[in-house]
């Protein structure tokens, strides 16, 4: 019973301060930013020059490790 009263009081304070929807807006902005970053990484890593660079790097690392 005490937990629920504390929760109601906390929600009332948030509602009164006008920040009740801020968490949802912050999640939305973060999600959009993460999707944009993922799209940029996909474009970058799927380019031929970056794929060649990563392939060469892996080949050099594995050849020095195996020999």
PDB file of N, CA and C in Angstrom:
ATOM      1  N   UNK A   1       0.827  -1.187   0.000  1.00  0.00           N
ATOM      2  CA  UNK A   1       0.000   0.000   0.000  1.00  0.00           C
ATOM      3  C   UNK A   1       0.872   1.253   0.000  1.00  0.00           C
ATOM      4  N   UNK A   2       1.958   1.223   0.728  1.00  0.00           N
ATOM      5  CA  UNK A   2       2.835   2.386   0.812  1.00  0.00           C
ATOM      6  C   UNK A   2       3.524   2.636  -0.527  1.00  0.00           C
ATOM      7  N   UNK A   3       3.895   1.544  -1.232  1.00  0.00           N
ATOM      8  CA  UNK A   3       4.541   1.677  -2.533  1.00  0.00           C
ATOM      9  C   UNK A   3       3.625   2.372  -3.530  1.00  0.00           C
ATOM     10  N   UNK A   4       2.362   1.964  -3.557  1.00  0.00           N
ATOM     11  CA  UNK A   4       1.442   2.553  -4.523  1.00  0.00           C
ATOM     12  C   UNK A   4       1.166   4.019  -4.201  1.00  0.00           C
ATOM     13  N   UNK A   5       1.108   4.377  -2.928  1.00  0.00           N
ATOM     14  CA  UNK A   5       0.920   5.775  -2.560  1.00  0.00           C
ATOM     15  C   UNK A   5       2.130   6.604  -2.975  1.00  0.00           C
ATOM     16  N   UNK A   6       3.313   6.049  -2.784  1.00  0.00           N
ATOM     17  CA  UNK A   6       4.535   6.736  -3.183  1.00  0.00           C
ATOM     18  C   UNK A   6       4.556   6.932  -4.702  1.00  0.00           C
ATOM     19  N   UNK A   7       4.129   5.909  -5.435  1.00  0.00           N
ATOM     20  CA  UNK A   7       4.089   5.992  -6.906  1.00  0.00           C
ATOM     21  C   UNK A   7       3.096   7.055  -7.363  1.00  0.00           C
ATOM     22  N   UNK A   8       1.934   7.099  -6.743  1.00  0.00           N
ATOM     23  CA  UNK A   8       0.926   8.097  -7.105  1.00  0.00           C
ATOM     24  C   UNK A   8       1.448   9.501  -6.820  1.00  0.00           C
ATOM     25  N   UNK A   9       2.124   9.654  -5.703  1.00  0.00           N
ATOM     26  CA  UNK A   9       2.687  10.953  -5.347  1.00  0.00           C
ATOM     27  C   UNK A   9       3.757  11.372  -6.361  1.00  0.00           C
ATOM     28  N   UNK A  10       4.594  10.432  -6.765  1.00  0.00           N
ATOM     29  CA  UNK A  10       5.633  10.722  -7.752  1.00  0.00           C
ATOM     30  C   UNK A  10       5.030  11.125  -9.087  1.00  0.00           C
ATOM     31  N   UNK A  11       3.992  10.400  -9.516  1.00  0.00           N
ATOM     32  CA  UNK A  11       3.328  10.737 -10.773  1.00  0.00           C
ATOM     33  C   UNK A  11       2.659  12.103 -10.693  1.00  0.00           C
ATOM     34  N   UNK A  12       2.075  12.427  -9.540  1.00  0.00           N
ATOM     35  CA  UNK A  12       1.442  13.730  -9.366  1.00  0.00           C
ATOM     36  C   UNK A  12       2.479  14.851  -9.470  1.00  0.00           C
ATOM     37  N   UNK A  13       3.656  14.635  -8.909  1.00  0.00           N
ATOM     38  CA  UNK A  13       4.722  15.639  -8.985  1.00  0.00           C
ATOM     39  C   UNK A  13       5.178  15.808 -10.434  1.00  0.00           C
ATOM     40  N   UNK A  14       5.339  14.696 -11.157  1.00  0.00           N
ATOM     41  CA  UNK A  14       5.732  14.767 -12.566  1.00  0.00           C
ATOM     42  C   UNK A  14       4.670  15.482 -13.396  1.00  0.00           C
ATOM     43  N   UNK A  15       3.413  15.162 -13.154  1.00  0.00           N
ATOM     44  CA  UNK A  15       2.325  15.771 -13.904  1.00  0.00           C
ATOM     45  C   UNK A  15       2.268  17.267 -13.642  1.00  0.00           C
ATOM     46  N   UNK A  16       2.462  17.644 -12.406  1.00  0.00           N
ATOM     47  CA  UNK A  16       2.422  19.052 -12.017  1.00  0.00           C
ATOM     48  C   UNK A  16       3.594  19.817 -12.636  1.00  0.00           C
ATOM     49  N   UNK A  17       4.740  19.190 -12.747  1.00  0.00           N
ATOM     50  CA  UNK A  17       5.915  19.864 -13.285  1.00  0.00           C
ATOM     51  C   UNK A  17       5.916  19.895 -14.814  1.00  0.00           C
ATOM     52  N   UNK A  18       5.016  19.166 -15.453  1.00  0.00           N
ATOM     53  CA  UNK A  18       4.925  19.191 -16.909  1.00  0.00           C
ATOM     54  C   UNK A  18       5.933  18.314 -17.609  1.00  0.00           C
ATOM     55  N   UNK A  19       6.592  17.405 -16.912  1.00  0.00           N
ATOM     56  CA  UNK A  19       7.615  16.556 -17.514  1.00  0.00           C
ATOM     57  C   UNK A  19       7.156  15.104 -17.654  1.00  0.00           C
ATOM     58  N   UNK A  20       5.859  14.876 -17.654  1.00  0.00           N
ATOM     59  CA  UNK A  20       5.358  13.508 -17.707  1.00  0.00           C
ATOM     60  C   UNK A  20       5.699  12.813 -19.029  1.00  0.00           C
ATOM     61  N   UNK A  21       5.641  13.526 -20.145  1.00  0.00           N
ATOM     62  CA  UNK A  21       5.914  12.919 -21.445  1.00  0.00           C
ATOM     63  C   UNK A  21       7.352  13.011 -21.887  1.00  0.00           C
ATOM     64  N   UNK A  22       8.223  13.537 -21.062  1.00  0.00           N
ATOM     65  CA  UNK A  22       9.610  13.735 -21.468  1.00  0.00           C
ATOM     66  C   UNK A  22      10.338  12.420 -21.717  1.00  0.00           C
ATOM     67  N   UNK A  23      10.065  11.426 -20.936  1.00  0.00           N
ATOM     68  CA  UNK A  23      10.764  10.152 -21.107  1.00  0.00           C
ATOM     69  C   UNK A  23      10.428   9.552 -22.468  1.00  0.00           C
ATOM     70  N   UNK A  24       9.162   9.598 -22.856  1.00  0.00           N
ATOM     71  CA  UNK A  24       8.748   9.068 -24.149  1.00  0.00           C
ATOM     72  C   UNK A  24       9.411   9.839 -25.281  1.00  0.00           C
ATOM     73  N   UNK A  25       9.461  11.153 -25.176  1.00  0.00           N
ATOM     74  CA  UNK A  25      10.099  11.967 -26.217  1.00  0.00           C
ATOM     75  C   UNK A  25      11.595  11.672 -26.297  1.00  0.00           C
ATOM     76  N   UNK A  26      12.229  11.480 -25.168  1.00  0.00           N
ATOM     77  CA  UNK A  26      13.660  11.173 -25.177  1.00  0.00           C
ATOM     78  C   UNK A  26      13.925   9.811 -25.811  1.00  0.00           C
ATOM     79  N   UNK A  27      13.076   8.839 -25.524  1.00  0.00           N
ATOM     80  CA  UNK A  27      13.225   7.527 -26.164  1.00  0.00           C
ATOM     81  C   UNK A  27      13.027   7.637 -27.667  1.00  0.00           C
ATOM     82  N   UNK A  28      12.066   8.438 -28.092  1.00  0.00           N
ATOM     83  CA  UNK A  28      11.809   8.597 -29.526  1.00  0.00           C
ATOM     84  C   UNK A  28      13.001   9.235 -30.227  1.00  0.00           C
ATOM     85  N   UNK A  29      13.552  10.278 -29.650  1.00  0.00           N
ATOM     86  CA  UNK A  29      14.711  10.945 -30.253  1.00  0.00           C
ATOM     87  C   UNK A  29      15.907   9.999 -30.290  1.00  0.00           C
ATOM     88  N   UNK A  30      16.119   9.257 -29.223  1.00  0.00           N
ATOM     89  CA  UNK A  30      17.237   8.310 -29.171  1.00  0.00           C
ATOM     90  C   UNK A  30      17.063   7.204 -30.205  1.00  0.00           C
ATOM     91  N   UNK A  31      15.839   6.717 -30.374  1.00  0.00           N
ATOM     92  CA  UNK A  31      15.573   5.668 -31.359  1.00  0.00           C
ATOM     93  C   UNK A  31      15.836   6.166 -32.771  1.00  0.00           C
ATOM     94  N   UNK A  32      15.385   7.370 -33.077  1.00  0.00           N
ATOM     95  CA  UNK A  32      15.618   7.936 -34.410  1.00  0.00           C
ATOM     96  C   UNK A  32      17.115   8.135 -34.648  1.00  0.00           C
ATOM     97  N   UNK A  33      17.830   8.630 -33.634  1.00  0.00           N
ATOM     98  CA  UNK A  33      19.277   8.825 -33.777  1.00  0.00           C
ATOM     99  C   UNK A  33      19.995   7.491 -33.974  1.00  0.00           C
ATOM    100  N   UNK A  34      19.577   6.472 -33.234  1.00  0.00           N
ATOM    101  CA  UNK A  34      20.202   5.150 -33.368  1.00  0.00           C
ATOM    102  C   UNK A  34      19.941   4.563 -34.753  1.00  0.00           C
ATOM    103  N   UNK A  35      18.742   4.746 -35.276  1.00  0.00           N
ATOM    104  CA  UNK A  35      18.437   4.245 -36.623  1.00  0.00           C
ATOM    105  C   UNK A  35      19.263   4.974 -37.675  1.00  0.00           C
ATOM    106  N   UNK A  36      19.414   6.279 -37.512  1.00  0.00           N
ATOM    107  CA  UNK A  36      20.246   7.036 -38.445  1.00  0.00           C
ATOM    108  C   UNK A  36      21.697   6.602 -38.392  1.00  0.00           C
ATOM    109  N   UNK A  37      22.201   6.379 -37.192  1.00  0.00           N
ATOM    110  CA  UNK A  37      23.576   5.918 -37.029  1.00  0.00           C
ATOM    111  C   UNK A  37      23.754   4.522 -37.633  1.00  0.00           C
ATOM    112  N   UNK A  38      22.783   3.646 -37.432  1.00  0.00           N
ATOM    113  CA  UNK A  38      22.856   2.295 -37.998  1.00  0.00           C
ATOM    114  C   UNK A  38      22.838   2.351 -39.525  1.00  0.00           C
ATOM    115  N   UNK A  39      22.008   3.217 -40.081  1.00  0.00           N
ATOM    116  CA  UNK A  39      21.958   3.367 -41.537  1.00  0.00           C
ATOM    117  C   UNK A  39      23.278   3.877 -42.096  1.00  0.00           C
ATOM    118  N   UNK A  40      23.877   4.838 -41.394  1.00  0.00           N
ATOM    119  CA  UNK A  40      25.162   5.373 -41.823  1.00  0.00           C
ATOM    120  C   UNK A  40      26.249   4.301 -41.767  1.00  0.00           C
ATOM    121  N   UNK A  41      26.270   3.521 -40.673  1.00  0.00           N
ATOM    122  CA  UNK A  41      27.255   2.437 -40.564  1.00  0.00           C
ATOM    123  C   UNK A  41      27.064   1.383 -41.645  1.00  0.00           C
ATOM    124  N   UNK A  42      25.801   1.054 -41.945  1.00  0.00           N
ATOM    125  CA  UNK A  42      25.526   0.064 -42.988  1.00  0.00           C
ATOM    126  C   UNK A  42      26.055   0.541 -44.335  1.00  0.00           C
ATOM    127  N   UNK A  43      25.774   1.804 -44.659  1.00  0.00           N
ATOM    128  CA  UNK A  43      26.246   2.351 -45.929  1.00  0.00           C
ATOM    129  C   UNK A  43      27.771   2.366 -45.982  1.00  0.00           C
ATOM    130  N   UNK A  44      28.383   2.767 -44.878  1.00  0.00           N
ATOM    131  CA  UNK A  44      29.838   2.845 -44.830  1.00  0.00           C
ATOM    132  C   UNK A  44      30.472   1.464 -44.947  1.00  0.00           C
ATOM    133  N   UNK A  45      29.975   0.508 -44.162  1.00  0.00           N
ATOM    134  CA  UNK A  45      30.598  -0.813 -44.145  1.00  0.00           C
ATOM    135  C   UNK A  45      30.264  -1.651 -45.375  1.00  0.00           C
ATOM    136  N   UNK A  46      29.203  -1.303 -46.082  1.00  0.00           N
ATOM    137  CA  UNK A  46      28.872  -2.074 -47.285  1.00  0.00           C
ATOM    138  C   UNK A  46      29.546  -1.502 -48.532  1.00  0.00           C
ATOM    139  N   UNK A  47      30.277  -0.396 -48.374  1.00  0.00           N
ATOM    140  CA  UNK A  47      30.994   0.157 -49.522  1.00  0.00           C
ATOM    141  C   UNK A  47      32.193  -0.741 -49.844  1.00  0.00           C
ATOM    142  N   UNK A  48      32.555  -0.753 -51.110  1.00  0.00           N
ATOM    143  CA  UNK A  48      33.602  -1.661 -51.580  1.00  0.00           C
ATOM    144  C   UNK A  48      34.968  -1.312 -50.989  1.00  0.00           C
ATOM    145  N   UNK A  49      35.278  -0.040 -50.871  1.00  0.00           N
ATOM    146  CA  UNK A  49      36.600   0.355 -50.372  1.00  0.00           C
ATOM    147  C   UNK A  49      36.776  -0.012 -48.893  1.00  0.00           C
ATOM    148  N   UNK A  50      35.737   0.153 -48.104  1.00  0.00           N
ATOM    149  CA  UNK A  50      35.818  -0.205 -46.683  1.00  0.00           C
ATOM    150  C   UNK A  50      35.882  -1.726 -46.529  1.00  0.00           C
ATOM    151  N   UNK A  51      35.120  -2.456 -47.340  1.00  0.00           N
ATOM    152  CA  UNK A  51      35.162  -3.920 -47.280  1.00  0.00           C
ATOM    153  C   UNK A  51      36.560  -4.423 -47.624  1.00  0.00           C
ATOM    154  N   UNK A  52      37.185  -3.798 -48.622  1.00  0.00           N
ATOM    155  CA  UNK A  52      38.557  -4.183 -48.997  1.00  0.00           C
ATOM    156  C   UNK A  52      39.528  -3.857 -47.856  1.00  0.00           C
ATOM    157  N   UNK A  53      39.362  -2.692 -47.246  1.00  0.00           N
ATOM    158  CA  UNK A  53      40.223  -2.284 -46.138  1.00  0.00           C
ATOM    159  C   UNK A  53      40.100  -3.250 -44.961  1.00  0.00           C
ATOM    160  N   UNK A  54      38.887  -3.617 -44.616  1.00  0.00           N
ATOM    161  CA  UNK A  54      38.672  -4.557 -43.506  1.00  0.00           C
ATOM    162  C   UNK A  54      39.215  -5.934 -43.856  1.00  0.00           C
ATOM    163  N   UNK A  55      39.005  -6.359 -45.101  1.00  0.00           N
ATOM    164  CA  UNK A  55      39.542  -7.651 -45.542  1.00  0.00           C
ATOM    165  C   UNK A  55      41.054  -7.698 -45.465  1.00  0.00           C
ATOM    166  N   UNK A  56      41.711  -6.632 -45.932  1.00  0.00           N
ATOM    167  CA  UNK A  56      43.179  -6.566 -45.859  1.00  0.00           C
ATOM    168  C   UNK A  56      43.665  -6.569 -44.413  1.00  0.00           C
ATOM    169  N   UNK A  57      42.967  -5.820 -43.573  1.00  0.00           N
ATOM    170  CA  UNK A  57      43.329  -5.765 -42.161  1.00  0.00           C
ATOM    171  C   UNK A  57      43.208  -7.136 -41.498  1.00  0.00           C
ATOM    172  N   UNK A  58      42.120  -7.840 -41.779  1.00  0.00           N
ATOM    173  CA  UNK A  58      41.921  -9.179 -41.211  1.00  0.00           C
ATOM    174  C   UNK A  58      42.963 -10.160 -41.748  1.00  0.00           C
ATOM    175  N   UNK A  59      43.264 -10.059 -43.035  1.00  0.00           N
ATOM    176  CA  UNK A  59      44.254 -10.953 -43.642  1.00  0.00           C
ATOM    177  C   UNK A  59      45.625 -10.741 -42.999  1.00  0.00           C
ATOM    178  N   UNK A  60      46.003  -9.468 -42.795  1.00  0.00           N
ATOM    179  CA  UNK A  60      47.297  -9.177 -42.156  1.00  0.00           C
ATOM    180  C   UNK A  60      47.322  -9.668 -40.711  1.00  0.00           C
ATOM    181  N   UNK A  61      46.220  -9.472 -40.005  1.00  0.00           N
ATOM    182  CA  UNK A  61      46.180  -9.888 -38.596  1.00  0.00           C
ATOM    183  C   UNK A  61      46.256 -11.405 -38.489  1.00  0.00           C
ATOM    184  N   UNK A  62      45.524 -12.105 -39.337  1.00  0.00           N
ATOM    185  CA  UNK A  62      45.521 -13.572 -39.274  1.00  0.00           C
ATOM    186  C   UNK A  62      46.829 -14.163 -39.778  1.00  0.00           C
ATOM    187  N   UNK A  63      47.440 -13.549 -40.773  1.00  0.00           N
ATOM    188  CA  UNK A  63      48.702 -14.102 -41.289  1.00  0.00           C
ATOM    189  C   UNK A  63      49.825 -13.932 -40.263  1.00  0.00           C
ATOM    190  N   UNK A  64      49.830 -12.837 -39.533  1.00  0.00           N
ATOM    191  CA  UNK A  64      50.861 -12.658 -38.510  1.00  0.00           C
ATOM    192  C   UNK A  64      50.580 -13.561 -37.299  1.00  0.00           C
ATOM    193  N   UNK A  65      49.330 -13.873 -37.070  1.00  0.00           N
ATOM    194  CA  UNK A  65      48.970 -14.745 -35.950  1.00  0.00           C
ATOM    195  C   UNK A  65      49.289 -16.195 -36.263  1.00  0.00           C
ATOM    196  N   UNK A  66      49.061 -16.614 -37.510  1.00  0.00           N
ATOM    197  CA  UNK A  66      49.261 -18.029 -37.869  1.00  0.00           C
ATOM    198  C   UNK A  66      50.714 -18.348 -38.171  1.00  0.00           C
ATOM    199  N   UNK A  67      51.505 -17.376 -38.605  1.00  0.00           N
ATOM    200  CA  UNK A  67      52.891 -17.679 -38.990  1.00  0.00           C
ATOM    201  C   UNK A  67      53.861 -17.088 -38.052  1.00  0.00           C
TER     202      UNK A  67
END
